[in-house]
Amino acid sequence: MGSDKSRLGLILLMAPLAIWLMTLIVLPHVGMFLVSLQEKVGIRQYETSLANYAVFFNEPLYWNTFARTAYMSITATVLTLLIGFPVAYYIAKLTRGRTKTTLFLMCLIPFWVSELVRTFGWMILLRETGVLSSFLQYIGVLAGPVEFLYNDAAIMTGLVYTSMLFMVVPLVTTLDSLDDSLIEAGYDLGGSSFSILREIVIPHAMPGIVSGCIVVFMLSLGNYLTPILLGGKDSLWFTGLIYDQFITRFNWELGSAFGFLLLGLSSLIVFLALKLSGQSLGKTMGR
């Protein structure tokens, strides 16, 4: 009787999650996949084929744009890790009490406003008449106004800033569980800071590094606002192509195919990264 009640309680507990996943994720994706297999051959006439997927591979603009998007997203992930790891280590291991809470809160504050507002803030800073250009002119570095927007550097800045929290949080959580005595023992045995980082800190933090990189990469790859607003209409970001097919051209069949290609190819990149790092998705997310 007790086992039946426990099983019933587990079912009732998981039911809302299962319904949410099924209605908002699984069913829409199934429907979109079926739409991607439809080839328009006439007015309201469709045939089932892989023609929409063939368009992607036959048109250099499409797969070049995806390759560029993947490369930029990987670069943004690496930069976010390089910046976020020292910040997370300082918060987790070198601060205590109220200082730690304050620093962690400072990482959260930018995310109290929407991504759109934060992106517009960067536009105000980087535009030709913005804060950065005006300041550099004031101190004599620039002779005239310079446009810092609508280039890859502006896109990269926005992507790193937007994703930083999602790298810092898992790293802080993982590094917080590292026993300080292990680091002290490393120094007592004559280890250098670099060797301790390589042999103790990074192996322990690897689940947090991998989980943070996965989240940052997926967010960067699927980002739409930041590349379009900071990079301009010619930024060549793959989500922009998907938006164009759905909203501008009303070609839902091709747009659905692009969406599934983005999902499949990004999943492949994540799988390869897990294999190279020696981690598993279940172990990483479980930590």
Protein backbone atom coordinates (compact mmCIF):
# COMPACT_ATOMS: atom_id res chain seq x y z
CA MET A 1 0.00 0.00 0.00
CA GLY A 2 2.80 2.38 0.91
CA SER A 3 4.58 1.63 -2.36
CA ASP A 4 1.41 2.36 -4.36
CA LYS A 5 0.94 5.70 -2.56
CA SER A 6 4.55 6.66 -3.22
CA ARG A 7 4.19 5.77 -6.90
CA LEU A 8 0.94 7.75 -7.15
CA GLY A 9 2.56 10.73 -5.42
CA LEU A 10 5.50 10.62 -7.84
CA ILE A 11 3.13 10.46 -10.82
CA LEU A 12 1.09 13.42 -9.56
CA LEU A 13 4.30 15.35 -8.85
CA MET A 14 5.72 14.74 -12.32
CA ALA A 15 2.44 15.16 -14.21
CA PRO A 16 2.60 18.99 -14.53
CA LEU A 17 6.18 18.79 -15.82
CA ALA A 18 5.27 16.02 -18.28
CA ILE A 19 2.25 17.99 -19.54
CA TRP A 20 4.34 21.15 -19.90
CA LEU A 21 7.09 19.32 -21.83
CA MET A 22 4.60 17.54 -24.06
CA THR A 23 2.39 20.52 -24.94
CA LEU A 24 5.00 23.27 -25.22
CA ILE A 25 8.09 21.41 -26.45
CA VAL A 26 7.47 17.93 -27.84
CA LEU A 27 4.25 18.48 -29.79
CA PRO A 28 5.33 21.82 -31.36
CA HIS A 29 8.62 20.26 -32.44
CA VAL A 30 6.85 17.26 -33.92
CA GLY A 31 4.51 19.57 -35.81
CA MET A 32 7.39 21.73 -37.03
CA PHE A 33 9.29 18.64 -38.18
CA LEU A 34 6.29 17.47 -40.20
CA VAL A 35 6.00 20.93 -41.77
CA SER A 36 9.70 20.84 -42.70
CA LEU A 37 9.06 17.68 -44.73
CA GLN A 38 6.45 19.36 -46.90
CA GLU A 39 7.46 20.64 -50.33
CA LYS A 40 5.09 23.10 -51.97
CA VAL A 41 4.33 21.97 -55.53
CA GLY A 42 1.28 24.13 -56.21
CA ILE A 43 -1.36 26.30 -54.61
CA ARG A 44 -2.10 24.53 -51.32
CA GLN A 45 -0.51 21.41 -52.74
CA TYR A 46 2.34 19.75 -50.87
CA GLU A 47 4.43 16.61 -51.21
CA THR A 48 6.50 14.90 -48.56
CA SER A 49 10.21 15.20 -49.35
CA LEU A 50 13.57 16.39 -48.07
CA ALA A 51 13.73 19.25 -50.56
CA ASN A 52 13.77 21.93 -47.86
CA TYR A 53 16.82 20.36 -46.24
CA ALA A 54 18.50 20.06 -49.64
CA VAL A 55 18.07 23.82 -50.12
CA PHE A 56 20.28 24.43 -47.09
CA PHE A 57 23.18 22.35 -48.42
CA ASN A 58 22.82 23.52 -52.02
CA GLU A 59 22.88 27.24 -51.17
CA PRO A 60 26.33 28.43 -49.97
CA LEU A 61 24.84 31.48 -48.25
CA TYR A 62 22.84 29.29 -45.87
CA TRP A 63 25.54 26.88 -44.72
CA ASN A 64 28.19 29.61 -44.69
CA THR A 65 25.92 31.64 -42.42
CA PHE A 66 25.47 28.66 -40.11
CA ALA A 67 29.23 28.00 -40.06
CA ARG A 68 29.84 31.65 -39.20
CA THR A 69 27.18 31.54 -36.48
CA ALA A 70 28.68 28.36 -34.99
CA TYR A 71 32.21 29.81 -35.08
CA MET A 72 31.12 33.07 -33.45
CA SER A 73 29.14 31.17 -30.81
CA ILE A 74 32.11 28.94 -29.98
CA THR A 75 34.37 32.00 -29.75
CA ALA A 76 31.87 33.74 -27.47
CA THR A 77 31.72 30.63 -25.27
CA VAL A 78 35.51 30.50 -24.95
CA LEU A 79 35.73 34.22 -24.13
CA THR A 80 32.92 33.91 -21.59
CA LEU A 81 34.76 31.03 -19.91
CA LEU A 82 38.09 32.91 -19.85
CA ILE A 83 36.44 35.94 -18.26
CA GLY A 84 33.96 34.11 -16.06
CA PHE A 85 36.32 31.53 -14.51
CA PRO A 86 38.52 34.03 -12.59
CA VAL A 87 35.38 35.89 -11.46
CA ALA A 88 33.75 32.66 -10.26
CA TYR A 89 36.95 31.50 -8.54
CA TYR A 90 37.31 34.81 -6.72
CA ILE A 91 33.69 34.72 -5.54
CA ALA A 92 33.78 31.05 -4.52
CA LYS A 93 37.21 30.72 -2.90
CA LEU A 94 38.59 34.15 -2.03
CA THR A 95 35.58 35.87 -0.49
CA ARG A 96 33.43 35.10 2.52
CA GLY A 97 30.13 36.14 4.04
CA ARG A 98 28.57 39.40 2.96
CA THR A 99 31.27 40.14 0.37
CA LYS A 100 30.53 36.90 -1.46
CA THR A 101 26.80 37.60 -1.40
CA THR A 102 27.33 41.15 -2.67
CA LEU A 103 29.58 40.11 -5.54
CA PHE A 104 27.21 37.34 -6.58
CA LEU A 105 24.31 39.80 -6.45
CA MET A 106 26.25 42.19 -8.68
CA CYS A 107 26.44 39.43 -11.30
CA LEU A 108 22.65 39.09 -11.13
CA ILE A 109 21.72 42.78 -11.29
CA PRO A 110 22.11 43.20 -15.10
CA PHE A 111 19.60 40.39 -15.59
CA TRP A 112 16.88 42.23 -13.69
CA VAL A 113 16.06 43.99 -16.97
CA SER A 114 15.21 42.36 -20.29
CA GLU A 115 17.77 41.40 -22.92
CA LEU A 116 16.30 44.03 -25.24
CA VAL A 117 16.98 46.85 -22.76
CA ARG A 118 20.52 45.59 -22.10
CA THR A 119 21.23 45.41 -25.82
CA PHE A 120 19.95 48.94 -26.35
CA GLY A 121 22.28 49.99 -23.53
CA TRP A 122 25.23 48.66 -25.51
CA MET A 123 23.97 50.50 -28.59
CA ILE A 124 23.99 53.75 -26.62
CA LEU A 125 27.56 53.07 -25.50
CA LEU A 126 28.94 52.01 -28.90
CA ARG A 127 27.12 54.19 -31.43
CA GLU A 128 28.87 56.97 -33.30
CA THR A 129 27.61 59.66 -30.92
CA GLY A 130 27.66 57.31 -27.92
CA VAL A 131 29.52 57.34 -24.63
CA LEU A 132 32.65 55.48 -25.80
CA SER A 133 33.22 57.53 -28.94
CA SER A 134 32.61 60.81 -27.10
CA PHE A 135 34.97 59.85 -24.27
CA LEU A 136 37.79 58.87 -26.64
CA GLN A 137 37.37 62.17 -28.47
CA TYR A 138 37.42 64.04 -25.16
CA ILE A 139 40.76 62.54 -24.07
CA GLY A 140 42.28 63.09 -27.53
CA VAL A 141 42.50 59.48 -28.72
CA LEU A 142 40.10 60.09 -31.61
CA ALA A 143 39.95 63.12 -33.86
CA GLY A 144 36.30 62.55 -34.75
CA PRO A 145 33.34 60.30 -33.99
CA VAL A 146 33.76 56.58 -34.73
CA GLU A 147 31.02 53.99 -35.14
CA PHE A 148 31.73 50.96 -32.91
CA LEU A 149 28.47 49.23 -33.82
CA TYR A 150 27.59 46.89 -36.70
CA ASN A 151 30.69 44.69 -36.63
CA ASP A 152 31.77 41.34 -35.22
CA ALA A 153 33.45 42.91 -32.18
CA ALA A 154 30.17 44.54 -31.14
CA ILE A 155 28.31 41.24 -31.60
CA MET A 156 30.93 39.39 -29.55
CA THR A 157 30.76 41.96 -26.77
CA GLY A 158 27.00 41.64 -26.57
CA LEU A 159 27.05 37.82 -26.63
CA VAL A 160 29.64 37.58 -23.86
CA TYR A 161 27.83 40.13 -21.70
CA THR A 162 24.46 38.46 -22.25
CA SER A 163 25.76 34.98 -21.36
CA MET A 164 28.14 35.75 -18.50
CA LEU A 165 25.74 34.87 -15.69
CA PHE A 166 25.08 31.43 -17.16
CA MET A 167 28.81 30.69 -16.99
CA VAL A 168 29.50 32.19 -13.57
CA VAL A 169 26.65 30.48 -11.67
CA PRO A 170 27.58 26.83 -12.42
CA LEU A 171 31.27 27.63 -11.90
CA VAL A 172 30.62 29.24 -8.51
CA THR A 173 28.46 26.30 -7.48
CA THR A 174 31.09 23.75 -8.51
CA LEU A 175 34.10 25.62 -7.10
CA ASP A 176 32.27 26.21 -3.82
CA SER A 177 32.30 22.45 -3.24
CA LEU A 178 36.09 22.25 -3.63
CA ASP A 179 37.71 21.64 -0.24
CA ASP A 180 40.20 24.42 0.57
CA SER A 181 42.46 21.87 2.24
CA LEU A 182 43.19 20.29 -1.16
CA ILE A 183 44.54 23.60 -2.46
CA GLU A 184 46.55 24.13 0.73
CA ALA A 185 47.98 20.61 0.45
CA GLY A 186 49.03 21.36 -3.12
CA TYR A 187 50.98 24.41 -1.99
CA ASP A 188 52.50 22.47 0.96
CA LEU A 189 53.77 19.85 -1.47
CA GLY A 190 55.56 22.51 -3.50
CA GLY A 191 53.05 22.99 -6.27
CA SER A 192 52.88 26.24 -8.18
CA SER A 193 49.68 28.21 -8.73
CA PHE A 194 49.53 27.01 -12.31
CA SER A 195 50.04 23.32 -11.41
CA ILE A 196 47.38 23.51 -8.69
CA LEU A 197 45.01 25.12 -11.15
CA ARG A 198 45.74 22.41 -13.73
CA GLU A 199 45.78 19.38 -11.42
CA ILE A 200 43.21 20.27 -8.74
CA VAL A 201 40.96 23.22 -9.55
CA ILE A 202 40.13 22.62 -13.22
CA PRO A 203 39.46 18.84 -12.88
CA HIS A 204 37.12 19.52 -9.97
CA ALA A 205 35.40 22.36 -11.81
CA MET A 206 35.10 20.44 -15.10
CA PRO A 207 31.37 19.58 -14.69
CA GLY A 208 30.63 23.27 -14.08
CA ILE A 209 32.83 24.30 -17.00
CA VAL A 210 31.11 21.89 -19.37
CA SER A 211 27.56 22.73 -18.22
CA GLY A 212 28.29 26.46 -18.41
CA CYS A 213 29.82 26.13 -21.88
CA ILE A 214 26.84 24.12 -23.13
CA VAL A 215 24.34 26.70 -21.89
CA VAL A 216 26.35 29.68 -23.18
CA PHE A 217 26.93 28.06 -26.57
CA MET A 218 23.26 27.17 -27.06
CA LEU A 219 22.15 30.65 -25.96
CA SER A 220 24.65 32.32 -28.29
CA LEU A 221 23.78 30.08 -31.23
CA GLY A 222 20.06 30.73 -30.81
CA ASN A 223 20.37 34.43 -30.00
CA TYR A 224 18.48 36.79 -32.28
CA LEU A 225 18.32 40.24 -30.69
CA THR A 226 22.01 40.77 -29.95
CA PRO A 227 23.45 39.90 -33.41
CA ILE A 228 20.72 41.81 -35.26
CA LEU A 229 20.82 44.97 -33.13
CA LEU A 230 24.58 45.17 -32.57
CA GLY A 231 25.62 43.66 -35.89
CA GLY A 232 23.05 45.30 -38.12
CA LYS A 233 20.85 43.79 -40.80
CA ASP A 234 23.90 42.38 -42.61
CA SER A 235 25.22 40.51 -39.55
CA LEU A 236 24.56 37.10 -41.22
CA TRP A 237 23.28 35.23 -38.16
CA PHE A 238 21.43 31.96 -38.72
CA THR A 239 18.49 32.84 -36.48
CA GLY A 240 18.01 35.89 -38.69
CA LEU A 241 17.58 33.59 -41.67
CA ILE A 242 14.99 31.55 -39.77
CA TYR A 243 13.11 34.71 -38.82
CA ASP A 244 13.24 35.88 -42.43
CA GLN A 245 11.74 32.63 -43.72
CA PHE A 246 8.92 32.58 -41.17
CA ILE A 247 7.98 36.25 -40.87
CA THR A 248 9.18 37.98 -44.06
CA ARG A 249 8.77 35.32 -46.75
CA PHE A 250 6.05 33.22 -45.07
CA ASN A 251 7.98 30.12 -46.08
CA TRP A 252 7.24 28.04 -43.00
CA GLU A 253 8.42 24.83 -44.64
CA LEU A 254 11.96 26.11 -45.23
CA GLY A 255 11.98 27.96 -41.91
CA SER A 256 11.05 24.76 -40.07
CA ALA A 257 13.82 22.88 -41.86
CA PHE A 258 16.31 25.57 -40.87
CA GLY A 259 15.12 25.35 -37.28
CA PHE A 260 15.68 21.59 -37.14
CA LEU A 261 19.05 21.91 -38.83
CA LEU A 262 20.06 24.44 -36.18
CA LEU A 263 18.90 22.05 -33.44
CA GLY A 264 20.60 19.02 -34.99
CA LEU A 265 23.92 20.64 -35.85
CA SER A 266 24.17 22.43 -32.50
CA SER A 267 23.43 19.14 -30.71
CA LEU A 268 26.20 17.51 -32.75
CA ILE A 269 28.67 20.21 -31.69
CA VAL A 270 27.69 19.76 -28.03
CA PHE A 271 28.08 15.96 -28.38
CA LEU A 272 31.57 16.34 -29.85
CA ALA A 273 32.53 18.79 -27.08
CA LEU A 274 31.37 16.30 -24.42
CA LYS A 275 33.43 13.54 -26.04
CA LEU A 276 36.52 15.72 -26.23
CA SER A 277 36.19 16.78 -22.58
CA GLY A 278 35.53 13.22 -21.39
CA GLN A 279 32.27 14.26 -19.74
CA SER A 280 28.75 12.88 -20.06
CA LEU A 281 25.62 15.01 -20.21
CA GLY A 282 23.97 13.14 -17.34
CA LYS A 283 27.03 13.45 -15.08
CA THR A 284 27.53 17.11 -15.93
CA MET A 285 23.94 18.15 -15.31
CA GLY A 286 23.74 15.91 -12.27
CA ARG A 287 26.59 17.81 -10.62
